[in-house]
PDB file of N, CA and C in Angstrom:
ATOM      1  N   MET A   1      -0.942  38.576  36.518  1.00  0.00           N
ATOM      2  CA  MET A   1      -0.518  37.666  36.083  1.00  0.00           C
ATOM      3  C   MET A   1      -0.001  37.146  35.292  1.00  0.00           C
ATOM      4  N   SER A   2       1.397  36.927  35.355  1.00  0.00           N
ATOM      5  CA  SER A   2       1.958  36.597  34.108  1.00  0.00           C
ATOM      6  C   SER A   2       1.167  35.457  33.176  1.00  0.00           C
ATOM      7  N   LYS A   3       1.439  35.396  31.896  1.00  0.00           N
ATOM      8  CA  LYS A   3       1.048  34.217  31.369  1.00  0.00           C
ATOM      9  C   LYS A   3       2.445  32.970  31.418  1.00  0.00           C
ATOM     10  N   LEU A   4       3.222  33.314  31.891  1.00  0.00           N
ATOM     11  CA  LEU A   4       3.935  31.966  32.392  1.00  0.00           C
ATOM     12  C   LEU A   4       3.675  31.183  33.563  1.00  0.00           C
ATOM     13  N   LEU A   5       3.031  32.018  34.565  1.00  0.00           N
ATOM     14  CA  LEU A   5       2.134  31.557  36.046  1.00  0.00           C
ATOM     15  C   LEU A   5       0.772  30.804  35.183  1.00  0.00           C
ATOM     16  N   VAL A   6       0.683  30.901  34.058  1.00  0.00           N
ATOM     17  CA  VAL A   6      -0.740  30.417  33.853  1.00  0.00           C
ATOM     18  C   VAL A   6      -0.674  29.485  33.627  1.00  0.00           C
ATOM     19  N   ASP A   7      -1.508  28.551  34.358  1.00  0.00           N
ATOM     20  CA  ASP A   7      -1.740  26.533  34.132  1.00  0.00           C
ATOM     21  C   ASP A   7      -2.001  26.836  32.301  1.00  0.00           C
ATOM     22  N   VAL A   8      -1.293  25.813  31.786  1.00  0.00           N
ATOM     23  CA  VAL A   8      -1.207  25.416  30.319  1.00  0.00           C
ATOM     24  C   VAL A   8      -2.444  25.013  29.590  1.00  0.00           C
ATOM     25  N   ARG A   9      -3.362  24.475  30.632  1.00  0.00           N
ATOM     26  CA  ARG A   9      -4.415  23.759  30.339  1.00  0.00           C
ATOM     27  C   ARG A   9      -5.684  24.722  30.217  1.00  0.00           C
ATOM     28  N   THR A  10      -5.306  25.578  30.965  1.00  0.00           N
ATOM     29  CA  THR A  10      -6.456  26.623  30.889  1.00  0.00           C
ATOM     30  C   THR A  10      -6.525  27.947  29.845  1.00  0.00           C
ATOM     31  N   LEU A  11      -5.089  27.906  28.848  1.00  0.00           N
ATOM     32  CA  LEU A  11      -5.041  28.771  27.810  1.00  0.00           C
ATOM     33  C   LEU A  11      -5.990  27.990  26.543  1.00  0.00           C
ATOM     34  N   ASP A  12      -6.577  29.071  26.221  1.00  0.00           N
ATOM     35  CA  ASP A  12      -7.348  29.050  24.772  1.00  0.00           C
ATOM     36  C   ASP A  12      -6.218  29.216  23.695  1.00  0.00           C
ATOM     37  N   LEU A  13      -5.401  28.189  23.188  1.00  0.00           N
ATOM     38  CA  LEU A  13      -4.616  28.767  22.304  1.00  0.00           C
ATOM     39  C   LEU A  13      -5.280  29.078  20.912  1.00  0.00           C
ATOM     40  N   HIS A  14      -6.330  28.032  20.538  1.00  0.00           N
ATOM     41  CA  HIS A  14      -7.287  27.810  19.234  1.00  0.00           C
ATOM     42  C   HIS A  14      -8.440  28.818  19.746  1.00  0.00           C
ATOM     43  N   PRO A  15      -8.996  29.652  18.900  1.00  0.00           N
ATOM     44  CA  PRO A  15     -10.452  30.162  18.786  1.00  0.00           C
ATOM     45  C   PRO A  15     -10.912  29.006  18.347  1.00  0.00           C
ATOM     46  N   PRO A  16     -12.183  28.815  18.943  1.00  0.00           N
ATOM     47  CA  PRO A  16     -13.036  27.618  18.615  1.00  0.00           C
ATOM     48  C   PRO A  16     -13.683  27.953  17.510  1.00  0.00           C
ATOM     49  N   ALA A  17     -13.377  26.532  16.901  1.00  0.00           N
ATOM     50  CA  ALA A  17     -14.220  26.242  15.777  1.00  0.00           C
ATOM     51  C   ALA A  17     -15.595  26.150  15.342  1.00  0.00           C
ATOM     52  N   PRO A  18     -16.301  26.710  14.054  1.00  0.00           N
ATOM     53  CA  PRO A  18     -17.912  27.190  14.363  1.00  0.00           C
ATOM     54  C   PRO A  18     -18.429  25.581  13.920  1.00  0.00           C
ATOM     55  N   ALA A  19     -19.692  25.577  14.645  1.00  0.00           N
ATOM     56  CA  ALA A  19     -20.294  24.372  14.625  1.00  0.00           C
ATOM     57  C   ALA A  19     -20.093  23.581  13.077  1.00  0.00           C
ATOM     58  N   LEU A  20     -20.024  22.293  12.922  1.00  0.00           N
ATOM     59  CA  LEU A  20     -20.666  21.872  11.399  1.00  0.00           C
ATOM     60  C   LEU A  20     -22.818  22.336  11.473  1.00  0.00           C
ATOM     61  N   PRO A  21     -22.959  22.164  10.218  1.00  0.00           N
ATOM     62  CA  PRO A  21     -24.234  21.953  10.296  1.00  0.00           C
ATOM     63  C   PRO A  21     -24.956  20.447  10.739  1.00  0.00           C
ATOM     64  N   ALA A  22     -26.117  20.475  11.134  1.00  0.00           N
ATOM     65  CA  ALA A  22     -26.544  19.401  11.733  1.00  0.00           C
ATOM     66  C   ALA A  22     -26.695  18.476  10.089  1.00  0.00           C
ATOM     67  N   SER A  23     -26.005  16.954  10.467  1.00  0.00           N
ATOM     68  CA  SER A  23     -26.123  16.319   9.371  1.00  0.00           C
ATOM     69  C   SER A  23     -27.620  15.829   8.573  1.00  0.00           C
ATOM     70  N   ALA A  24     -27.946  15.966   7.349  1.00  0.00           N
ATOM     71  CA  ALA A  24     -29.283  15.643   7.077  1.00  0.00           C
ATOM     72  C   ALA A  24     -29.343  13.497   6.765  1.00  0.00           C
ATOM     73  N   PRO A  25     -30.585  13.421   6.915  1.00  0.00           N
ATOM     74  CA  PRO A  25     -31.243  12.037   7.242  1.00  0.00           C
ATOM     75  C   PRO A  25     -30.297  11.288   5.606  1.00  0.00           C
ATOM     76  N   VAL A  26     -30.135  10.215   5.584  1.00  0.00           N
ATOM     77  CA  VAL A  26     -29.719   9.690   4.224  1.00  0.00           C
ATOM     78  C   VAL A  26     -30.872   8.671   4.059  1.00  0.00           C
ATOM     79  N   GLY A  27     -30.944   8.379   3.242  1.00  0.00           N
ATOM     80  CA  GLY A  27     -31.936   8.073   2.645  1.00  0.00           C
ATOM     81  C   GLY A  27     -31.756   6.316   2.280  1.00  0.00           C
ATOM     82  N   LEU A  28     -32.271   5.032   2.354  1.00  0.00           N
ATOM     83  CA  LEU A  28     -31.842   3.557   1.679  1.00  0.00           C
ATOM     84  C   LEU A  28     -31.151   3.695   0.904  1.00  0.00           C
ATOM     85  N   VAL A  29     -31.788   4.141  -0.395  1.00  0.00           N
ATOM     86  CA  VAL A  29     -30.720   4.234  -1.216  1.00  0.00           C
ATOM     87  C   VAL A  29     -29.563   4.665  -1.490  1.00  0.00           C
ATOM     88  N   ASP A  30     -29.439   5.676  -0.638  1.00  0.00           N
ATOM     89  CA  ASP A  30     -28.575   6.388  -0.584  1.00  0.00           C
ATOM     90  C   ASP A  30     -27.328   5.774  -0.200  1.00  0.00           C
ATOM     91  N   ARG A  31     -27.649   4.921   0.750  1.00  0.00           N
ATOM     92  CA  ARG A  31     -27.005   4.345   1.706  1.00  0.00           C
ATOM     93  C   ARG A  31     -26.575   3.082   0.932  1.00  0.00           C
ATOM     94  N   ALA A  32     -27.415   2.899   0.415  1.00  0.00           N
ATOM     95  CA  ALA A  32     -27.379   1.217  -0.498  1.00  0.00           C
ATOM     96  C   ALA A  32     -26.114   1.660  -1.004  1.00  0.00           C
ATOM     97  N   SER A  33     -26.838   2.435  -2.084  1.00  0.00           N
ATOM     98  CA  SER A  33     -25.524   3.236  -3.345  1.00  0.00           C
ATOM     99  C   SER A  33     -23.817   3.610  -3.062  1.00  0.00           C
ATOM    100  N   LEU A  34     -24.050   3.732  -1.659  1.00  0.00           N
ATOM    101  CA  LEU A  34     -22.490   4.193  -1.060  1.00  0.00           C
ATOM    102  C   LEU A  34     -22.134   2.860  -0.362  1.00  0.00           C
ATOM    103  N   ARG A  35     -22.805   1.840  -0.106  1.00  0.00           N
ATOM    104  CA  ARG A  35     -22.065   0.486   0.233  1.00  0.00           C
ATOM    105  C   ARG A  35     -21.825   0.157  -0.878  1.00  0.00           C
ATOM    106  N   LEU A  36     -22.685  -0.093  -2.020  1.00  0.00           N
ATOM    107  CA  LEU A  36     -22.159  -0.797  -3.017  1.00  0.00           C
ATOM    108  C   LEU A  36     -20.939   0.080  -3.767  1.00  0.00           C
ATOM    109  N   GLY A  37     -20.525   0.997  -3.439  1.00  0.00           N
ATOM    110  CA  GLY A  37     -19.816   2.311  -4.581  1.00  0.00           C
ATOM    111  C   GLY A  37     -18.512   1.384  -3.896  1.00  0.00           C
ATOM    112  N   LEU A  38     -18.227   1.553  -1.902  1.00  0.00           N
ATOM    113  CA  LEU A  38     -17.217   1.285  -1.197  1.00  0.00           C
ATOM    114  C   LEU A  38     -16.931  -0.433  -1.468  1.00  0.00           C
ATOM    115  N   TRP A  39     -17.888  -1.181  -1.430  1.00  0.00           N
ATOM    116  CA  TRP A  39     -17.548  -2.693  -1.738  1.00  0.00           C
ATOM    117  C   TRP A  39     -17.075  -2.839  -2.866  1.00  0.00           C
ATOM    118  N   LEU A  40     -17.244  -1.838  -4.240  1.00  0.00           N
ATOM    119  CA  LEU A  40     -17.044  -2.346  -5.260  1.00  0.00           C
ATOM    120  C   LEU A  40     -15.360  -1.213  -5.422  1.00  0.00           C
ATOM    121  N   LEU A  41     -15.294  -0.321  -4.359  1.00  0.00           N
ATOM    122  CA  LEU A  41     -13.977   0.371  -4.423  1.00  0.00           C
ATOM    123  C   LEU A  41     -12.747  -0.365  -3.575  1.00  0.00           C
ATOM    124  N   LEU A  42     -13.244  -1.157  -2.711  1.00  0.00           N
ATOM    125  CA  LEU A  42     -12.172  -2.347  -1.876  1.00  0.00           C
ATOM    126  C   LEU A  42     -12.270  -3.463  -3.017  1.00  0.00           C
ATOM    127  N   ARG A  43     -13.052  -3.705  -3.730  1.00  0.00           N
ATOM    128  CA  ARG A  43     -12.746  -5.002  -4.276  1.00  0.00           C
ATOM    129  C   ARG A  43     -12.059  -4.800  -5.769  1.00  0.00           C
ATOM    130  N   SER A  44     -11.940  -3.964  -5.576  1.00  0.00           N
ATOM    131  CA  SER A  44     -11.202  -3.770  -7.308  1.00  0.00           C
ATOM    132  C   SER A  44      -9.703  -3.135  -6.384  1.00  0.00           C
ATOM    133  N   ALA A  45      -9.576  -2.704  -5.374  1.00  0.00           N
ATOM    134  CA  ALA A  45      -8.370  -2.132  -4.465  1.00  0.00           C
ATOM    135  C   ALA A  45      -7.263  -3.874  -4.278  1.00  0.00           C
ATOM    136  N   ALA A  46      -8.541  -4.740  -3.752  1.00  0.00           N
ATOM    137  CA  ALA A  46      -7.841  -5.771  -3.326  1.00  0.00           C
ATOM    138  C   ALA A  46      -7.530  -6.410  -5.298  1.00  0.00           C
ATOM    139  N   HIS A  47      -8.065  -6.490  -6.300  1.00  0.00           N
ATOM    140  CA  HIS A  47      -7.894  -7.064  -6.933  1.00  0.00           C
ATOM    141  C   HIS A  47      -6.657  -6.196  -7.688  1.00  0.00           C
ATOM    142  N   ALA A  48      -6.308  -5.348  -7.901  1.00  0.00           N
ATOM    143  CA  ALA A  48      -5.276  -4.652  -8.264  1.00  0.00           C
ATOM    144  C   ALA A  48      -3.933  -5.360  -7.089  1.00  0.00           C
ATOM    145  N   ASN A  49      -4.364  -5.245  -6.170  1.00  0.00           N
ATOM    146  CA  ASN A  49      -2.785  -5.851  -5.054  1.00  0.00           C
ATOM    147  C   ASN A  49      -2.478  -7.168  -5.776  1.00  0.00           C
ATOM    148  N   ARG A  50      -3.514  -7.875  -5.759  1.00  0.00           N
ATOM    149  CA  ARG A  50      -3.178  -9.744  -6.162  1.00  0.00           C
ATOM    150  C   ARG A  50      -2.534  -9.491  -7.855  1.00  0.00           C
ATOM    151  N   ARG A  51      -3.078  -8.930  -8.827  1.00  0.00           N
ATOM    152  CA  ARG A  51      -2.436  -8.649  -9.907  1.00  0.00           C
ATOM    153  C   ARG A  51      -1.044  -7.933 -10.025  1.00  0.00           C
ATOM    154  N   ALA A  52      -0.613  -7.241  -8.695  1.00  0.00           N
ATOM    155  CA  ALA A  52       0.360  -6.355  -8.507  1.00  0.00           C
ATOM    156  C   ALA A  52       1.914  -7.539  -8.089  1.00  0.00           C
ATOM    157  N   ASP A  53       1.138  -8.335  -6.785  1.00  0.00           N
ATOM    158  CA  ASP A  53       1.795  -9.590  -6.070  1.00  0.00           C
ATOM    159  C   ASP A  53       2.346 -10.581  -7.410  1.00  0.00           C
ATOM    160  N   ARG A  54       0.700 -11.032  -7.948  1.00  0.00           N
ATOM    161  CA  ARG A  54       1.535 -12.076  -9.242  1.00  0.00           C
ATOM    162  C   ARG A  54       2.379 -11.631 -10.283  1.00  0.00           C
ATOM    163  N   ASP A  55       2.288 -10.306 -10.529  1.00  0.00           N
ATOM    164  CA  ASP A  55       3.548  -9.420 -11.474  1.00  0.00           C
ATOM    165  C   ASP A  55       4.594 -10.023 -10.621  1.00  0.00           C
ATOM    166  N   LEU A  56       4.674  -9.213  -9.541  1.00  0.00           N
ATOM    167  CA  LEU A  56       5.853  -9.535  -8.413  1.00  0.00           C
ATOM    168  C   LEU A  56       6.549 -10.513  -8.936  1.00  0.00           C
ATOM    169  N   ARG A  57       5.519 -11.891  -8.048  1.00  0.00           N
ATOM    170  CA  ARG A  57       6.396 -13.231  -8.306  1.00  0.00           C
ATOM    171  C   ARG A  57       6.883 -13.821  -9.469  1.00  0.00           C
ATOM    172  N   SER A  58       5.936 -13.201 -11.092  1.00  0.00           N
ATOM    173  CA  SER A  58       6.286 -13.408 -12.241  1.00  0.00           C
ATOM    174  C   SER A  58       8.158 -13.030 -11.982  1.00  0.00           C
ATOM    175  N   ARG A  59       7.992 -11.698 -11.881  1.00  0.00           N
ATOM    176  CA  ARG A  59       9.168 -11.540 -12.464  1.00  0.00           C
ATOM    177  C   ARG A  59      10.843 -11.943 -11.819  1.00  0.00           C
ATOM    178  N   ALA A  60      10.169 -12.200 -10.012  1.00  0.00           N
ATOM    179  CA  ALA A  60      11.057 -12.816  -9.421  1.00  0.00           C
ATOM    180  C   ALA A  60      11.378 -14.229  -9.936  1.00  0.00           C
ATOM    181  N   LEU A  61      10.553 -14.977 -10.416  1.00  0.00           N
ATOM    182  CA  LEU A  61      10.372 -16.301 -11.218  1.00  0.00           C
ATOM    183  C   LEU A  61      11.507 -15.887 -12.350  1.00  0.00           C
ATOM    184  N   GLU A  62      11.487 -15.602 -12.836  1.00  0.00           N
ATOM    185  CA  GLU A  62      12.079 -14.581 -14.358  1.00  0.00           C
ATOM    186  C   GLU A  62      13.731 -14.476 -14.019  1.00  0.00           C
ATOM    187  N   ASN A  63      13.848 -13.641 -12.874  1.00  0.00           N
ATOM    188  CA  ASN A  63      15.175 -13.054 -12.627  1.00  0.00           C
ATOM    189  C   ASN A  63      15.954 -14.651 -11.709  1.00  0.00           C
ATOM    190  N   ARG A  64      15.221 -15.713 -11.311  1.00  0.00           N
ATOM    191  CA  ARG A  64      15.666 -16.519 -10.755  1.00  0.00           C
ATOM    192  C   ARG A  64      15.934 -17.768 -11.976  1.00  0.00           C
ATOM    193  N   SER A  65      15.191 -18.023 -12.949  1.00  0.00           N
ATOM    194  CA  SER A  65      15.450 -18.947 -13.879  1.00  0.00           C
ATOM    195  C   SER A  65      16.668 -18.351 -14.717  1.00  0.00           C
ATOM    196  N   GLY A  66      16.540 -16.806 -14.792  1.00  0.00           N
ATOM    197  CA  GLY A  66      17.802 -15.950 -15.752  1.00  0.00           C
ATOM    198  C   GLY A  66      19.426 -16.468 -14.802  1.00  0.00           C
ATOM    199  N   LEU A  67      19.051 -16.113 -13.924  1.00  0.00           N
ATOM    200  CA  LEU A  67      20.225 -16.513 -12.755  1.00  0.00           C
ATOM    201  C   LEU A  67      21.328 -17.956 -12.787  1.00  0.00           C
ATOM    202  N   GLU A  68      20.012 -18.675 -12.405  1.00  0.00           N
ATOM    203  CA  GLU A  68      20.455 -19.985 -12.887  1.00  0.00           C
ATOM    204  C   GLU A  68      20.701 -20.398 -14.201  1.00  0.00           C
ATOM    205  N   ALA A  69      20.520 -19.982 -14.849  1.00  0.00           N
ATOM    206  CA  ALA A  69      20.931 -20.289 -16.808  1.00  0.00           C
ATOM    207  C   ALA A  69      21.897 -19.974 -16.798  1.00  0.00           C
ATOM    208  N   ARG A  70      22.533 -18.774 -16.015  1.00  0.00           N
ATOM    209  CA  ARG A  70      23.615 -17.981 -16.139  1.00  0.00           C
ATOM    210  C   ARG A  70      24.489 -18.589 -15.849  1.00  0.00           C
ATOM    211  N   GLU A  71      24.153 -19.065 -14.373  1.00  0.00           N
ATOM    212  CA  GLU A  71      25.471 -19.526 -13.845  1.00  0.00           C
ATOM    213  C   GLU A  71      25.486 -21.262 -14.330  1.00  0.00           C
ATOM    214  N   ASN A  72      24.299 -21.995 -14.967  1.00  0.00           N
ATOM    215  CA  ASN A  72      25.071 -23.201 -15.610  1.00  0.00           C
ATOM    216  C   ASN A  72      25.650 -22.924 -16.862  1.00  0.00           C
ATOM    217  N   ALA A  73      25.142 -21.946 -18.030  1.00  0.00           N
ATOM    218  CA  ALA A  73      26.349 -21.517 -18.649  1.00  0.00           C
ATOM    219  C   ALA A  73      27.771 -21.096 -18.333  1.00  0.00           C
ATOM    220  N   ALA A  74      27.960 -20.503 -17.314  1.00  0.00           N
ATOM    221  CA  ALA A  74      29.407 -20.273 -16.676  1.00  0.00           C
ATOM    222  C   ALA A  74      29.994 -21.929 -16.427  1.00  0.00           C
ATOM    223  N   LEU A  75      29.261 -22.610 -15.762  1.00  0.00           N
ATOM    224  CA  LEU A  75      29.689 -23.509 -15.212  1.00  0.00           C
ATOM    225  C   LEU A  75      29.851 -24.588 -15.979  1.00  0.00           C
ATOM    226  N   ARG A  76      29.542 -24.721 -17.400  1.00  0.00           N
ATOM    227  CA  ARG A  76      29.585 -25.233 -18.424  1.00  0.00           C
ATOM    228  C   ARG A  76      31.045 -25.011 -19.329  1.00  0.00           C
ATOM    229  N   ARG A  77      30.893 -23.783 -19.740  1.00  0.00           N
ATOM    230  CA  ARG A  77      32.205 -22.848 -19.966  1.00  0.00           C
ATOM    231  C   ARG A  77      32.950 -23.272 -19.272  1.00  0.00           C
ATOM    232  N   LEU A  78      33.625 -23.187 -17.661  1.00  0.00           N
ATOM    233  CA  LEU A  78      34.486 -23.200 -17.058  1.00  0.00           C
ATOM    234  C   LEU A  78      34.793 -25.058 -17.003  1.00  0.00           C
ATOM    235  N   HIS A  79      34.035 -25.641 -17.144  1.00  0.00           N
ATOM    236  CA  HIS A  79      34.308 -27.347 -17.550  1.00  0.00           C
ATOM    237  C   HIS A  79      34.708 -27.832 -18.598  1.00  0.00           C
ATOM    238  N   LEU A  80      34.360 -26.861 -19.497  1.00  0.00           N
ATOM    239  CA  LEU A  80      35.106 -27.044 -20.818  1.00  0.00           C
ATOM    240  C   LEU A  80      36.245 -26.491 -21.287  1.00  0.00           C
ATOM    241  N   LEU A  81      36.585 -25.818 -20.356  1.00  0.00           N
ATOM    242  CA  LEU A  81      37.942 -24.768 -20.668  1.00  0.00           C
ATOM    243  C   LEU A  81      39.008 -25.542 -19.417  1.00  0.00           C
ATOM    244  N   GLN A  82      38.467 -26.419 -18.621  1.00  0.00           N
ATOM    245  CA  GLN A  82      39.331 -26.548 -17.709  1.00  0.00           C
ATOM    246  C   GLN A  82      39.755 -28.362 -18.377  1.00  0.00           C
ATOM    247  N   PRO A  83      41.581 -28.578 -18.431  1.00  0.00           N
ATOM    248  CA  PRO A  83      42.387 -29.424 -19.106  1.00  0.00           C
ATOM    249  C   PRO A  83      41.379 -30.740 -17.808  1.00  0.00           C
ATOM    250  N   HIS A  84      41.277 -31.713 -19.286  1.00  0.00           N
ATOM    251  CA  HIS A  84      40.991 -32.944 -18.399  1.00  0.00           C
ATOM    252  C   HIS A  84      42.107 -34.112 -17.663  1.00  0.00           C
ATOM    253  N   LEU A  85      41.704 -34.230 -16.633  1.00  0.00           N
ATOM    254  CA  LEU A  85      43.120 -35.053 -15.922  1.00  0.00           C
ATOM    255  C   LEU A  85      42.669 -36.498 -16.471  1.00  0.00           C
TER     256      LEU A  85
END
């Protein structure tokens, strides 16, 4: 029979992967240290995200303030250069 006529679901395209070794039991202290490590990692990631957000807001405020100052200075110059009626 041709391979083209064989049902695709029956083809074994990948050789079976070797079975993983049986998992060893994890002790209470190891589980606690893993949980603590994960908690500390998540906490530091959240802290880094908050700091990045704060820096981004600070830069946006500086940019906005600078833009307003430049616009006000341009308006003052324009007002001073116009002849008074």
